[in-house]
């Protein structure tokens, strides 16, 4: 019944650890969130845990980029399928980071532009600033 709340909290904890550079703790929290309920029982928590795991996994071990990307792409599919626009936009940003690691800058730019459009529609100004900062680091600067 209430494991979904714990799953959500672990996702927020994972994000917080990542923002502080505590990658091992972020990966542990995300991995625990993944184990808390069966697929399909909590789409929001499942998609968040999957994205958090992908984000933390790549930060922990960049050699596992393909696995991290599979996790983030899985989160995006679920978020789009369930109409979770804010989460999908955040996942586009995560995916763009992974594409940058593979030097796929144009694909990363397209995802960032897509995320920015969604953030603008939803009036998510803080997230738009994150996207703008990321766009300035791409070859050719901001769009």
Protein backbone atom coordinates (compact mmCIF):
# COMPACT_ATOMS: atom_id res chain seq x y z
CA UNK A 1 0.00 0.00 0.00
CA UNK A 2 2.37 2.74 1.09
CA UNK A 3 5.57 1.57 -0.59
CA UNK A 4 4.91 4.02 -3.40
CA UNK A 5 5.55 6.91 -0.98
CA UNK A 6 8.85 5.37 0.06
CA UNK A 7 9.75 4.85 -3.61
CA UNK A 8 9.06 8.52 -4.36
CA UNK A 9 11.09 9.63 -1.33
CA UNK A 10 14.02 7.47 -2.40
CA UNK A 11 13.90 9.05 -5.86
CA UNK A 12 14.01 12.53 -4.35
CA UNK A 13 16.84 11.40 -2.10
CA UNK A 14 18.73 10.02 -5.10
CA UNK A 15 18.33 13.33 -6.94
CA UNK A 16 19.52 15.20 -3.87
CA UNK A 17 22.58 12.98 -3.48
CA UNK A 18 23.45 13.46 -7.16
CA UNK A 19 23.16 17.24 -6.84
CA UNK A 20 25.70 17.07 -4.00
CA UNK A 21 28.03 14.75 -5.90
CA UNK A 22 27.35 11.80 -3.60
CA UNK A 23 27.08 9.32 -6.44
CA UNK A 24 27.33 6.07 -4.48
CA UNK A 25 24.49 7.10 -2.19
CA UNK A 26 22.42 8.27 -5.18
CA UNK A 27 22.85 4.94 -6.92
CA UNK A 28 21.98 3.02 -3.74
CA UNK A 29 18.80 5.06 -3.22
CA UNK A 30 17.72 4.65 -6.85
CA UNK A 31 18.45 0.92 -6.81
CA UNK A 32 16.36 0.52 -3.67
CA UNK A 33 13.52 2.52 -5.24
CA UNK A 34 13.53 0.14 -8.20
CA UNK A 35 12.95 -2.84 -5.94
CA UNK A 36 10.01 -1.50 -3.96
CA UNK A 37 7.06 -2.46 -6.12
CA UNK A 38 6.23 -4.47 -9.17
CA UNK A 39 6.11 -2.89 -12.63
CA UNK A 40 2.77 -1.32 -13.44
CA UNK A 41 1.73 -0.71 -9.83
CA UNK A 42 3.02 2.89 -9.65
CA UNK A 43 3.87 4.39 -13.03
CA UNK A 44 5.13 7.67 -11.57
CA UNK A 45 7.43 6.00 -9.07
CA UNK A 46 8.57 3.39 -11.56
CA UNK A 47 9.48 6.01 -14.15
CA UNK A 48 11.23 8.21 -11.59
CA UNK A 49 13.20 5.30 -10.12
CA UNK A 50 14.21 4.13 -13.58
CA UNK A 51 15.43 7.60 -14.58
CA UNK A 52 17.20 8.16 -11.25
CA UNK A 53 18.95 4.83 -11.60
CA UNK A 54 20.10 5.67 -15.12
CA UNK A 55 21.35 9.11 -14.05
CA UNK A 56 23.24 7.76 -11.04
CA UNK A 57 24.58 4.72 -12.89
CA UNK A 58 26.19 6.88 -15.57
CA UNK A 59 27.68 9.25 -13.00
CA UNK A 60 29.10 6.26 -11.10
CA UNK A 61 30.46 4.41 -14.12
CA UNK A 62 30.46 6.20 -17.49
CA UNK A 63 31.43 2.90 -19.14
CA UNK A 64 27.84 1.79 -18.46
CA UNK A 65 26.43 4.54 -20.67
CA UNK A 66 24.34 2.13 -22.77
CA UNK A 67 22.66 0.66 -19.68
CA UNK A 68 22.05 4.12 -18.25
CA UNK A 69 20.52 5.21 -21.54
CA UNK A 70 18.21 2.17 -21.65
CA UNK A 71 16.92 3.11 -18.20
CA UNK A 72 16.31 6.75 -19.10
CA UNK A 73 14.64 5.81 -22.40
CA UNK A 74 12.39 3.36 -20.53
CA UNK A 75 11.40 6.15 -18.14
CA UNK A 76 10.60 8.45 -21.08
CA UNK A 77 8.41 5.83 -22.76
CA UNK A 78 6.40 5.28 -19.60
CA UNK A 79 6.12 9.00 -18.87
CA UNK A 80 4.91 9.80 -22.38
CA UNK A 81 2.51 6.86 -22.34
CA UNK A 82 0.97 8.02 -19.06
CA UNK A 83 0.94 11.74 -19.92
CA UNK A 84 3.51 12.72 -17.28
CA UNK A 85 4.71 15.78 -19.18
CA UNK A 86 6.81 17.38 -16.40
CA UNK A 87 8.64 14.12 -15.75
CA UNK A 88 9.08 13.41 -19.46
CA UNK A 89 10.63 16.84 -19.96
CA UNK A 90 13.03 16.24 -17.05
CA UNK A 91 13.90 12.86 -18.54
CA UNK A 92 14.62 14.52 -21.91
CA UNK A 93 17.24 16.60 -20.08
CA UNK A 94 18.73 13.45 -18.53
CA UNK A 95 18.82 11.77 -21.92
CA UNK A 96 20.46 14.83 -23.46
CA UNK A 97 23.27 14.56 -20.89
CA UNK A 98 23.85 10.97 -21.95
CA UNK A 99 23.82 11.91 -25.63
CA UNK A 100 26.41 14.58 -24.91
CA UNK A 101 28.63 11.91 -23.37
CA UNK A 102 28.52 10.12 -26.73
CA UNK A 103 29.21 13.39 -28.59
CA UNK A 104 25.76 13.29 -30.18
CA UNK A 105 25.34 17.03 -29.76
CA UNK A 106 22.63 17.57 -32.38
CA UNK A 107 20.42 14.87 -30.88
CA UNK A 108 21.05 16.34 -27.45
CA UNK A 109 20.08 19.80 -28.74
CA UNK A 110 16.82 18.44 -30.18
CA UNK A 111 15.92 16.84 -26.85
CA UNK A 112 16.81 19.99 -24.94
CA UNK A 113 14.68 22.08 -27.30
CA UNK A 114 11.80 19.66 -26.80
CA UNK A 115 12.22 19.82 -23.02
CA UNK A 116 12.41 23.60 -23.09
CA UNK A 117 9.16 23.84 -25.05
CA UNK A 118 7.40 21.65 -22.50
CA UNK A 119 8.90 23.56 -19.57
CA UNK A 120 7.74 26.81 -21.14
CA UNK A 121 4.19 25.48 -21.61
CA UNK A 122 4.11 24.34 -17.98
CA UNK A 123 5.77 27.53 -16.65
CA UNK A 124 8.68 25.61 -15.14
CA UNK A 125 11.17 28.48 -15.16
CA UNK A 126 13.89 26.87 -13.04
CA UNK A 127 14.05 23.92 -15.42
CA UNK A 128 14.18 26.27 -18.40
CA UNK A 129 17.29 27.90 -16.90
CA UNK A 130 18.93 24.47 -16.58
CA UNK A 131 18.19 23.80 -20.26
CA UNK A 132 19.47 27.23 -21.29
CA UNK A 133 22.73 26.60 -19.40
CA UNK A 134 23.12 23.22 -21.07
CA UNK A 135 22.47 24.68 -24.51
CA UNK A 136 25.29 27.19 -24.05
CA UNK A 137 27.74 24.32 -23.54
CA UNK A 138 26.87 22.74 -26.88
CA UNK A 139 28.91 23.60 -29.96
CA UNK A 140 27.31 26.66 -31.52
CA UNK A 141 25.98 27.95 -28.19
CA UNK A 142 22.37 28.67 -27.36
CA UNK A 143 19.53 28.41 -29.85
